């Protein structure tokens, strides 16, 4: 299971490393960097995300654990929202 996850996310981390290396050595000017950022953000990363989600094996997921985690996060968010609204006079 780990090898499947590792090899499916390897292109993503490789892309991040290549972008960091090119930015570190400033091989592109600002306009070229903006074009590459839009290309990667709008085309490449969503495609890799769809590939990773599509190749993932869902039979090993403990759905009850994820539901309890989501419920706990919702309760914490709701309590923080009430505290912020009452004690700090926050409207939103």
PDB file of N, CA and C in Angstrom:
ATOM      1  N   UNK A   1       0.824  -1.189   0.000  1.00  0.00           N
ATOM      2  CA  UNK A   1       0.000   0.000   0.000  1.00  0.00           C
ATOM      3  C   UNK A   1       0.869   1.254   0.000  1.00  0.00           C
ATOM      4  N   UNK A   2       1.949   1.234   0.799  1.00  0.00           N
ATOM      5  CA  UNK A   2       2.824   2.396   0.855  1.00  0.00           C
ATOM      6  C   UNK A   2       3.494   2.642  -0.486  1.00  0.00           C
ATOM      7  N   UNK A   3       3.908   1.575  -1.162  1.00  0.00           N
ATOM      8  CA  UNK A   3       4.588   1.756  -2.444  1.00  0.00           C
ATOM      9  C   UNK A   3       3.638   2.351  -3.488  1.00  0.00           C
ATOM     10  N   UNK A   4       2.363   1.947  -3.465  1.00  0.00           N
ATOM     11  CA  UNK A   4       1.398   2.530  -4.403  1.00  0.00           C
ATOM     12  C   UNK A   4       1.227   4.018  -4.160  1.00  0.00           C
ATOM     13  N   UNK A   5       1.101   4.401  -2.895  1.00  0.00           N
ATOM     14  CA  UNK A   5       0.956   5.815  -2.559  1.00  0.00           C
ATOM     15  C   UNK A   5       2.224   6.584  -2.896  1.00  0.00           C
ATOM     16  N   UNK A   6       3.374   5.991  -2.614  1.00  0.00           N
ATOM     17  CA  UNK A   6       4.649   6.652  -2.882  1.00  0.00           C
ATOM     18  C   UNK A   6       4.834   6.910  -4.372  1.00  0.00           C
ATOM     19  N   UNK A   7       4.610   5.884  -5.182  1.00  0.00           N
ATOM     20  CA  UNK A   7       4.837   6.040  -6.613  1.00  0.00           C
ATOM     21  C   UNK A   7       3.759   6.878  -7.294  1.00  0.00           C
ATOM     22  N   UNK A   8       2.586   6.989  -6.696  1.00  0.00           N
ATOM     23  CA  UNK A   8       1.567   7.849  -7.303  1.00  0.00           C
ATOM     24  C   UNK A   8       1.794   9.315  -6.957  1.00  0.00           C
ATOM     25  N   UNK A   9       2.415   9.608  -5.813  1.00  0.00           N
ATOM     26  CA  UNK A   9       2.682  11.000  -5.444  1.00  0.00           C
ATOM     27  C   UNK A   9       4.080  11.459  -5.835  1.00  0.00           C
ATOM     28  N   UNK A  10       4.923  10.563  -6.296  1.00  0.00           N
ATOM     29  CA  UNK A  10       6.284  10.926  -6.685  1.00  0.00           C
ATOM     30  C   UNK A  10       6.327  12.001  -7.773  1.00  0.00           C
ATOM     31  N   UNK A  11       5.501  11.952  -8.825  1.00  0.00           N
ATOM     32  CA  UNK A  11       5.536  13.037  -9.813  1.00  0.00           C
ATOM     33  C   UNK A  11       5.180  14.402  -9.220  1.00  0.00           C
ATOM     34  N   UNK A  12       4.294  14.416  -8.255  1.00  0.00           N
ATOM     35  CA  UNK A  12       3.917  15.677  -7.618  1.00  0.00           C
ATOM     36  C   UNK A  12       5.106  16.291  -6.888  1.00  0.00           C
ATOM     37  N   UNK A  13       5.784  15.490  -6.088  1.00  0.00           N
ATOM     38  CA  UNK A  13       6.938  16.007  -5.363  1.00  0.00           C
ATOM     39  C   UNK A  13       8.098  16.322  -6.299  1.00  0.00           C
ATOM     40  N   UNK A  14       8.225  15.561  -7.375  1.00  0.00           N
ATOM     41  CA  UNK A  14       9.241  15.870  -8.377  1.00  0.00           C
ATOM     42  C   UNK A  14       8.984  17.214  -9.033  1.00  0.00           C
ATOM     43  N   UNK A  15       7.735  17.493  -9.315  1.00  0.00           N
ATOM     44  CA  UNK A  15       7.369  18.778  -9.905  1.00  0.00           C
ATOM     45  C   UNK A  15       7.651  19.927  -8.947  1.00  0.00           C
ATOM     46  N   UNK A  16       7.357  19.724  -7.673  1.00  0.00           N
ATOM     47  CA  UNK A  16       7.647  20.750  -6.668  1.00  0.00           C
ATOM     48  C   UNK A  16       9.149  20.979  -6.575  1.00  0.00           C
ATOM     49  N   UNK A  17       9.937  19.913  -6.584  1.00  0.00           N
ATOM     50  CA  UNK A  17      11.391  20.044  -6.503  1.00  0.00           C
ATOM     51  C   UNK A  17      11.952  20.758  -7.726  1.00  0.00           C
ATOM     52  N   UNK A  18      11.450  20.432  -8.902  1.00  0.00           N
ATOM     53  CA  UNK A  18      11.916  21.104 -10.118  1.00  0.00           C
ATOM     54  C   UNK A  18      11.576  22.590 -10.068  1.00  0.00           C
ATOM     55  N   UNK A  19      10.370  22.922  -9.642  1.00  0.00           N
ATOM     56  CA  UNK A  19       9.986  24.327  -9.534  1.00  0.00           C
ATOM     57  C   UNK A  19      10.825  25.077  -8.524  1.00  0.00           C
ATOM     58  N   UNK A  20      11.111  24.441  -7.392  1.00  0.00           N
ATOM     59  CA  UNK A  20      11.957  25.074  -6.378  1.00  0.00           C
ATOM     60  C   UNK A  20      13.369  25.287  -6.911  1.00  0.00           C
ATOM     61  N   UNK A  21      13.913  24.290  -7.601  1.00  0.00           N
ATOM     62  CA  UNK A  21      15.272  24.401  -8.131  1.00  0.00           C
ATOM     63  C   UNK A  21      15.367  25.499  -9.185  1.00  0.00           C
ATOM     64  N   UNK A  22      14.384  25.562 -10.073  1.00  0.00           N
ATOM     65  CA  UNK A  22      14.408  26.601 -11.104  1.00  0.00           C
ATOM     66  C   UNK A  22      14.242  27.986 -10.495  1.00  0.00           C
ATOM     67  N   UNK A  23      13.450  28.098  -9.443  1.00  0.00           N
ATOM     68  CA  UNK A  23      13.301  29.383  -8.768  1.00  0.00           C
ATOM     69  C   UNK A  23      14.532  29.770  -7.976  1.00  0.00           C
ATOM     70  N   UNK A  24      15.197  28.795  -7.394  1.00  0.00           N
ATOM     71  CA  UNK A  24      16.392  29.061  -6.590  1.00  0.00           C
ATOM     72  C   UNK A  24      17.517  29.610  -7.451  1.00  0.00           C
ATOM     73  N   UNK A  25      17.685  29.054  -8.636  1.00  0.00           N
ATOM     74  CA  UNK A  25      18.756  29.501  -9.521  1.00  0.00           C
ATOM     75  C   UNK A  25      18.297  30.584 -10.486  1.00  0.00           C
ATOM     76  N   UNK A  26      17.064  31.040 -10.346  1.00  0.00           N
ATOM     77  CA  UNK A  26      16.450  32.120 -11.140  1.00  0.00           C
ATOM     78  C   UNK A  26      16.731  31.970 -12.641  1.00  0.00           C
ATOM     79  N   UNK A  27      16.332  30.835 -13.183  1.00  0.00           N
ATOM     80  CA  UNK A  27      16.518  30.582 -14.607  1.00  0.00           C
ATOM     81  C   UNK A  27      15.460  31.267 -15.464  1.00  0.00           C
ATOM     82  N   UNK A  28      14.357  31.683 -14.848  1.00  0.00           N
ATOM     83  CA  UNK A  28      13.284  32.355 -15.573  1.00  0.00           C
ATOM     84  C   UNK A  28      13.055  33.735 -14.977  1.00  0.00           C
ATOM     85  N   UNK A  29      12.584  34.662 -15.822  1.00  0.00           N
ATOM     86  CA  UNK A  29      12.221  35.974 -15.289  1.00  0.00           C
ATOM     87  C   UNK A  29      10.810  35.908 -14.710  1.00  0.00           C
ATOM     88  N   UNK A  30      10.308  37.039 -14.227  1.00  0.00           N
ATOM     89  CA  UNK A  30       9.021  37.042 -13.519  1.00  0.00           C
ATOM     90  C   UNK A  30       7.842  36.667 -14.411  1.00  0.00           C
ATOM     91  N   UNK A  31       7.821  37.139 -15.645  1.00  0.00           N
ATOM     92  CA  UNK A  31       6.682  36.828 -16.515  1.00  0.00           C
ATOM     93  C   UNK A  31       6.654  35.347 -16.883  1.00  0.00           C
ATOM     94  N   UNK A  32       7.817  34.759 -17.157  1.00  0.00           N
ATOM     95  CA  UNK A  32       7.859  33.327 -17.452  1.00  0.00           C
ATOM     96  C   UNK A  32       7.461  32.508 -16.235  1.00  0.00           C
ATOM     97  N   UNK A  33       7.875  32.941 -15.060  1.00  0.00           N
ATOM     98  CA  UNK A  33       7.509  32.230 -13.829  1.00  0.00           C
ATOM     99  C   UNK A  33       6.002  32.288 -13.598  1.00  0.00           C
ATOM    100  N   UNK A  34       5.370  33.426 -13.896  1.00  0.00           N
ATOM    101  CA  UNK A  34       3.915  33.529 -13.741  1.00  0.00           C
ATOM    102  C   UNK A  34       3.182  32.598 -14.705  1.00  0.00           C
ATOM    103  N   UNK A  35       3.689  32.482 -15.930  1.00  0.00           N
ATOM    104  CA  UNK A  35       3.072  31.579 -16.909  1.00  0.00           C
ATOM    105  C   UNK A  35       3.186  30.134 -16.437  1.00  0.00           C
ATOM    106  N   UNK A  36       4.369  29.741 -15.969  1.00  0.00           N
ATOM    107  CA  UNK A  36       4.549  28.373 -15.481  1.00  0.00           C
ATOM    108  C   UNK A  36       3.707  28.104 -14.238  1.00  0.00           C
ATOM    109  N   UNK A  37       3.570  29.100 -13.379  1.00  0.00           N
ATOM    110  CA  UNK A  37       2.745  28.935 -12.183  1.00  0.00           C
ATOM    111  C   UNK A  37       1.291  28.698 -12.557  1.00  0.00           C
ATOM    112  N   UNK A  38       0.778  29.461 -13.527  1.00  0.00           N
ATOM    113  CA  UNK A  38      -0.601  29.253 -13.976  1.00  0.00           C
ATOM    114  C   UNK A  38      -0.767  27.891 -14.636  1.00  0.00           C
ATOM    115  N   UNK A  39       0.197  27.487 -15.450  1.00  0.00           N
ATOM    116  CA  UNK A  39       0.122  26.187 -16.111  1.00  0.00           C
ATOM    117  C   UNK A  39       0.093  25.054 -15.092  1.00  0.00           C
ATOM    118  N   UNK A  40       0.997  25.115 -14.142  1.00  0.00           N
ATOM    119  CA  UNK A  40       1.072  24.051 -13.140  1.00  0.00           C
ATOM    120  C   UNK A  40      -0.160  24.067 -12.245  1.00  0.00           C
ATOM    121  N   UNK A  41      -0.586  25.245 -11.814  1.00  0.00           N
ATOM    122  CA  UNK A  41      -1.712  25.337 -10.896  1.00  0.00           C
ATOM    123  C   UNK A  41      -3.052  24.999 -11.516  1.00  0.00           C
ATOM    124  N   UNK A  42      -3.227  25.296 -12.798  1.00  0.00           N
ATOM    125  CA  UNK A  42      -4.530  25.090 -13.437  1.00  0.00           C
ATOM    126  C   UNK A  42      -4.643  23.799 -14.238  1.00  0.00           C
ATOM    127  N   UNK A  43      -3.512  23.227 -14.654  1.00  0.00           N
ATOM    128  CA  UNK A  43      -3.574  22.044 -15.507  1.00  0.00           C
ATOM    129  C   UNK A  43      -2.891  20.832 -14.869  1.00  0.00           C
ATOM    130  N   UNK A  44      -1.629  20.991 -14.502  1.00  0.00           N
ATOM    131  CA  UNK A  44      -0.829  19.832 -14.107  1.00  0.00           C
ATOM    132  C   UNK A  44      -1.236  19.285 -12.743  1.00  0.00           C
ATOM    133  N   UNK A  45      -1.328  20.140 -11.726  1.00  0.00           N
ATOM    134  CA  UNK A  45      -1.663  19.652 -10.388  1.00  0.00           C
ATOM    135  C   UNK A  45      -3.061  19.049 -10.296  1.00  0.00           C
ATOM    136  N   UNK A  46      -4.093  19.653 -10.898  1.00  0.00           N
ATOM    137  CA  UNK A  46      -5.389  18.957 -10.871  1.00  0.00           C
ATOM    138  C   UNK A  46      -5.362  17.603 -11.580  1.00  0.00           C
ATOM    139  N   UNK A  47      -4.618  17.509 -12.676  1.00  0.00           N
ATOM    140  CA  UNK A  47      -4.527  16.219 -13.373  1.00  0.00           C
ATOM    141  C   UNK A  47      -3.818  15.184 -12.510  1.00  0.00           C
ATOM    142  N   UNK A  48      -2.746  15.585 -11.838  1.00  0.00           N
ATOM    143  CA  UNK A  48      -2.063  14.653 -10.942  1.00  0.00           C
ATOM    144  C   UNK A  48      -2.949  14.272  -9.764  1.00  0.00           C
ATOM    145  N   UNK A  49      -3.716  15.226  -9.252  1.00  0.00           N
ATOM    146  CA  UNK A  49      -4.626  14.920  -8.147  1.00  0.00           C
ATOM    147  C   UNK A  49      -5.683  13.917  -8.550  1.00  0.00           C
ATOM    148  N   UNK A  50      -6.240  14.075  -9.735  1.00  0.00           N
ATOM    149  CA  UNK A  50      -7.238  13.123 -10.230  1.00  0.00           C
ATOM    150  C   UNK A  50      -6.606  11.747 -10.418  1.00  0.00           C
ATOM    151  N   UNK A  51      -5.369  11.722 -10.912  1.00  0.00           N
ATOM    152  CA  UNK A  51      -4.679  10.442 -11.097  1.00  0.00           C
ATOM    153  C   UNK A  51      -4.431   9.760  -9.761  1.00  0.00           C
ATOM    154  N   UNK A  52      -3.994  10.517  -8.758  1.00  0.00           N
ATOM    155  CA  UNK A  52      -3.718   9.945  -7.439  1.00  0.00           C
ATOM    156  C   UNK A  52      -4.999   9.416  -6.809  1.00  0.00           C
ATOM    157  N   UNK A  53      -6.071  10.197  -6.876  1.00  0.00           N
ATOM    158  CA  UNK A  53      -7.342   9.764  -6.287  1.00  0.00           C
ATOM    159  C   UNK A  53      -7.901   8.552  -7.035  1.00  0.00           C
ATOM    160  N   UNK A  54      -7.742   8.533  -8.339  1.00  0.00           N
ATOM    161  CA  UNK A  54      -8.252   7.411  -9.120  1.00  0.00           C
ATOM    162  C   UNK A  54      -7.504   6.114  -8.891  1.00  0.00           C
ATOM    163  N   UNK A  55      -6.211   6.195  -8.605  1.00  0.00           N
ATOM    164  CA  UNK A  55      -5.411   4.989  -8.404  1.00  0.00           C
ATOM    165  C   UNK A  55      -5.410   4.499  -6.964  1.00  0.00           C
ATOM    166  N   UNK A  56      -5.998   5.243  -6.054  1.00  0.00           N
ATOM    167  CA  UNK A  56      -5.945   4.884  -4.636  1.00  0.00           C
ATOM    168  C   UNK A  56      -6.888   3.727  -4.338  1.00  0.00           C
ATOM    169  N   UNK A  57      -6.453   2.816  -3.490  1.00  0.00           N
ATOM    170  CA  UNK A  57      -7.256   1.660  -3.096  1.00  0.00           C
ATOM    171  C   UNK A  57      -8.025   2.014  -1.826  1.00  0.00           C
ATOM    172  N   UNK A  58      -9.332   2.097  -1.925  1.00  0.00           N
ATOM    173  CA  UNK A  58     -10.158   2.574  -0.818  1.00  0.00           C
ATOM    174  C   UNK A  58     -10.609   1.479   0.144  1.00  0.00           C
ATOM    175  N   UNK A  59     -10.235   0.245  -0.075  1.00  0.00           N
ATOM    176  CA  UNK A  59     -10.725  -0.819   0.799  1.00  0.00           C
ATOM    177  C   UNK A  59     -10.052  -0.809   2.163  1.00  0.00           C
ATOM    178  N   UNK A  60      -8.900  -0.153   2.302  1.00  0.00           N
ATOM    179  CA  UNK A  60      -8.184  -0.130   3.573  1.00  0.00           C
ATOM    180  C   UNK A  60      -8.533   1.077   4.433  1.00  0.00           C
ATOM    181  N   UNK A  61      -9.421   1.934   3.974  1.00  0.00           N
ATOM    182  CA  UNK A  61      -9.763   3.145   4.721  1.00  0.00           C
ATOM    183  C   UNK A  61     -10.766   2.805   5.812  1.00  0.00           C
ATOM    184  N   UNK A  62     -10.507   3.307   6.999  1.00  0.00           N
ATOM    185  CA  UNK A  62     -11.428   3.155   8.121  1.00  0.00           C
ATOM    186  C   UNK A  62     -12.370   4.361   8.099  1.00  0.00           C
ATOM    187  N   UNK A  63     -13.537   4.205   7.484  1.00  0.00           N
ATOM    188  CA  UNK A  63     -14.461   5.319   7.289  1.00  0.00           C
ATOM    189  C   UNK A  63     -15.011   5.838   8.606  1.00  0.00           C
ATOM    190  N   UNK A  64     -15.173   4.957   9.588  1.00  0.00           N
ATOM    191  CA  UNK A  64     -15.667   5.387  10.891  1.00  0.00           C
ATOM    192  C   UNK A  64     -14.672   6.344  11.546  1.00  0.00           C
ATOM    193  N   UNK A  65     -13.383   6.054  11.404  1.00  0.00           N
ATOM    194  CA  UNK A  65     -12.351   6.933  11.950  1.00  0.00           C
ATOM    195  C   UNK A  65     -12.395   8.308  11.281  1.00  0.00           C
ATOM    196  N   UNK A  66     -12.529   8.345   9.959  1.00  0.00           N
ATOM    197  CA  UNK A  66     -12.612   9.625   9.257  1.00  0.00           C
ATOM    198  C   UNK A  66     -13.862  10.405   9.647  1.00  0.00           C
ATOM    199  N   UNK A  67     -14.977   9.704   9.829  1.00  0.00           N
ATOM    200  CA  UNK A  67     -16.206  10.374  10.235  1.00  0.00           C
ATOM    201  C   UNK A  67     -16.055  10.972  11.630  1.00  0.00           C
ATOM    202  N   UNK A  68     -15.461  10.220  12.557  1.00  0.00           N
ATOM    203  CA  UNK A  68     -15.249  10.741  13.919  1.00  0.00           C
ATOM    204  C   UNK A  68     -14.304  11.938  13.905  1.00  0.00           C
ATOM    205  N   UNK A  69     -13.268  11.880  13.076  1.00  0.00           N
ATOM    206  CA  UNK A  69     -12.349  13.006  12.948  1.00  0.00           C
ATOM    207  C   UNK A  69     -13.082  14.237  12.413  1.00  0.00           C
ATOM    208  N   UNK A  70     -13.882  14.057  11.380  1.00  0.00           N
ATOM    209  CA  UNK A  70     -14.640  15.163  10.806  1.00  0.00           C
ATOM    210  C   UNK A  70     -15.629  15.734  11.811  1.00  0.00           C
ATOM    211  N   UNK A  71     -16.284  14.877  12.565  1.00  0.00           N
ATOM    212  CA  UNK A  71     -17.212  15.328  13.595  1.00  0.00           C
ATOM    213  C   UNK A  71     -16.481  16.117  14.680  1.00  0.00           C
ATOM    214  N   UNK A  72     -15.330  15.637  15.114  1.00  0.00           N
ATOM    215  CA  UNK A  72     -14.537  16.355  16.115  1.00  0.00           C
ATOM    216  C   UNK A  72     -14.082  17.717  15.618  1.00  0.00           C
ATOM    217  N   UNK A  73     -13.645  17.783  14.372  1.00  0.00           N
ATOM    218  CA  UNK A  73     -13.232  19.063  13.795  1.00  0.00           C
ATOM    219  C   UNK A  73     -14.409  20.028  13.713  1.00  0.00           C
ATOM    220  N   UNK A  74     -15.577  19.528  13.356  1.00  0.00           N
ATOM    221  CA  UNK A  74     -16.768  20.380  13.295  1.00  0.00           C
ATOM    222  C   UNK A  74     -17.154  20.920  14.657  1.00  0.00           C
ATOM    223  N   UNK A  75     -17.069  20.075  15.686  1.00  0.00           N
ATOM    224  CA  UNK A  75     -17.390  20.523  17.045  1.00  0.00           C
ATOM    225  C   UNK A  75     -16.406  21.586  17.509  1.00  0.00           C
ATOM    226  N   UNK A  76     -15.115  21.371  17.260  1.00  0.00           N
ATOM    227  CA  UNK A  76     -14.101  22.359  17.646  1.00  0.00           C
ATOM    228  C   UNK A  76     -14.332  23.676  16.912  1.00  0.00           C
ATOM    229  N   UNK A  77     -14.647  23.613  15.621  1.00  0.00           N
ATOM    230  CA  UNK A  77     -14.909  24.826  14.855  1.00  0.00           C
ATOM    231  C   UNK A  77     -16.124  25.560  15.415  1.00  0.00           C
ATOM    232  N   UNK A  78     -17.192  24.831  15.724  1.00  0.00           N
ATOM    233  CA  UNK A  78     -18.408  25.448  16.237  1.00  0.00           C
ATOM    234  C   UNK A  78     -18.155  26.102  17.595  1.00  0.00           C
ATOM    235  N   UNK A  79     -17.423  25.447  18.482  1.00  0.00           N
ATOM    236  CA  UNK A  79     -17.104  26.023  19.793  1.00  0.00           C
ATOM    237  C   UNK A  79     -16.251  27.277  19.630  1.00  0.00           C
ATOM    238  N   UNK A  80     -15.253  27.236  18.749  1.00  0.00           N
ATOM    239  CA  UNK A  80     -14.416  28.413  18.513  1.00  0.00           C
ATOM    240  C   UNK A  80     -15.237  29.551  17.919  1.00  0.00           C
ATOM    241  N   UNK A  81     -16.182  29.233  17.053  1.00  0.00           N
ATOM    242  CA  UNK A  81     -17.046  30.251  16.463  1.00  0.00           C
ATOM    243  C   UNK A  81     -17.892  30.926  17.540  1.00  0.00           C
ATOM    244  N   UNK A  82     -18.461  30.147  18.445  1.00  0.00           N
ATOM    245  CA  UNK A  82     -19.281  30.704  19.529  1.00  0.00           C
ATOM    246  C   UNK A  82     -18.426  31.559  20.463  1.00  0.00           C
ATOM    247  N   UNK A  83     -17.237  31.085  20.809  1.00  0.00           N
ATOM    248  CA  UNK A  83     -16.347  31.862  21.683  1.00  0.00           C
ATOM    249  C   UNK A  83     -15.965  33.173  21.020  1.00  0.00           C
ATOM    250  N   UNK A  84     -15.614  33.134  19.744  1.00  0.00           N
ATOM    251  CA  UNK A  84     -15.233  34.355  19.043  1.00  0.00           C
ATOM    252  C   UNK A  84     -16.401  35.323  18.952  1.00  0.00           C
ATOM    253  N   UNK A  85     -17.590  34.816  18.760  1.00  0.00           N
ATOM    254  CA  UNK A  85     -18.755  35.686  18.628  1.00  0.00           C
ATOM    255  C   UNK A  85     -19.138  36.315  19.965  1.00  0.00           C
ATOM    256  N   UNK A  86     -19.087  35.547  21.050  1.00  0.00           N
ATOM    257  CA  UNK A  86     -19.520  36.055  22.350  1.00  0.00           C
ATOM    258  C   UNK A  86     -18.462  36.926  23.021  1.00  0.00           C
ATOM    259  N   UNK A  87     -17.233  36.449  23.056  1.00  0.00           N
ATOM    260  CA  UNK A  87     -16.218  37.123  23.852  1.00  0.00           C
ATOM    261  C   UNK A  87     -15.431  38.177  23.085  1.00  0.00           C
ATOM    262  N   UNK A  88     -15.313  38.045  21.791  1.00  0.00           N
ATOM    263  CA  UNK A  88     -14.526  38.989  21.014  1.00  0.00           C
ATOM    264  C   UNK A  88     -15.385  39.867  20.117  1.00  0.00           C
ATOM    265  N   UNK A  89     -16.693  39.772  20.253  1.00  0.00           N
ATOM    266  CA  UNK A  89     -17.655  40.580  19.489  1.00  0.00           C
ATOM    267  C   UNK A  89     -17.422  40.485  17.983  1.00  0.00           C
ATOM    268  N   UNK A  90     -17.210  39.272  17.516  1.00  0.00           N
ATOM    269  CA  UNK A  90     -17.020  39.045  16.084  1.00  0.00           C
ATOM    270  C   UNK A  90     -18.359  38.713  15.450  1.00  0.00           C
ATOM    271  N   UNK A  91     -18.656  39.322  14.307  1.00  0.00           N
ATOM    272  CA  UNK A  91     -19.927  39.075  13.628  1.00  0.00           C
ATOM    273  C   UNK A  91     -19.886  37.844  12.738  1.00  0.00           C
ATOM    274  N   UNK A  92     -18.731  37.547  12.160  1.00  0.00           N
ATOM    275  CA  UNK A  92     -18.647  36.404  11.244  1.00  0.00           C
ATOM    276  C   UNK A  92     -17.710  35.361  11.767  1.00  0.00           C
TER     277      UNK A  92
END
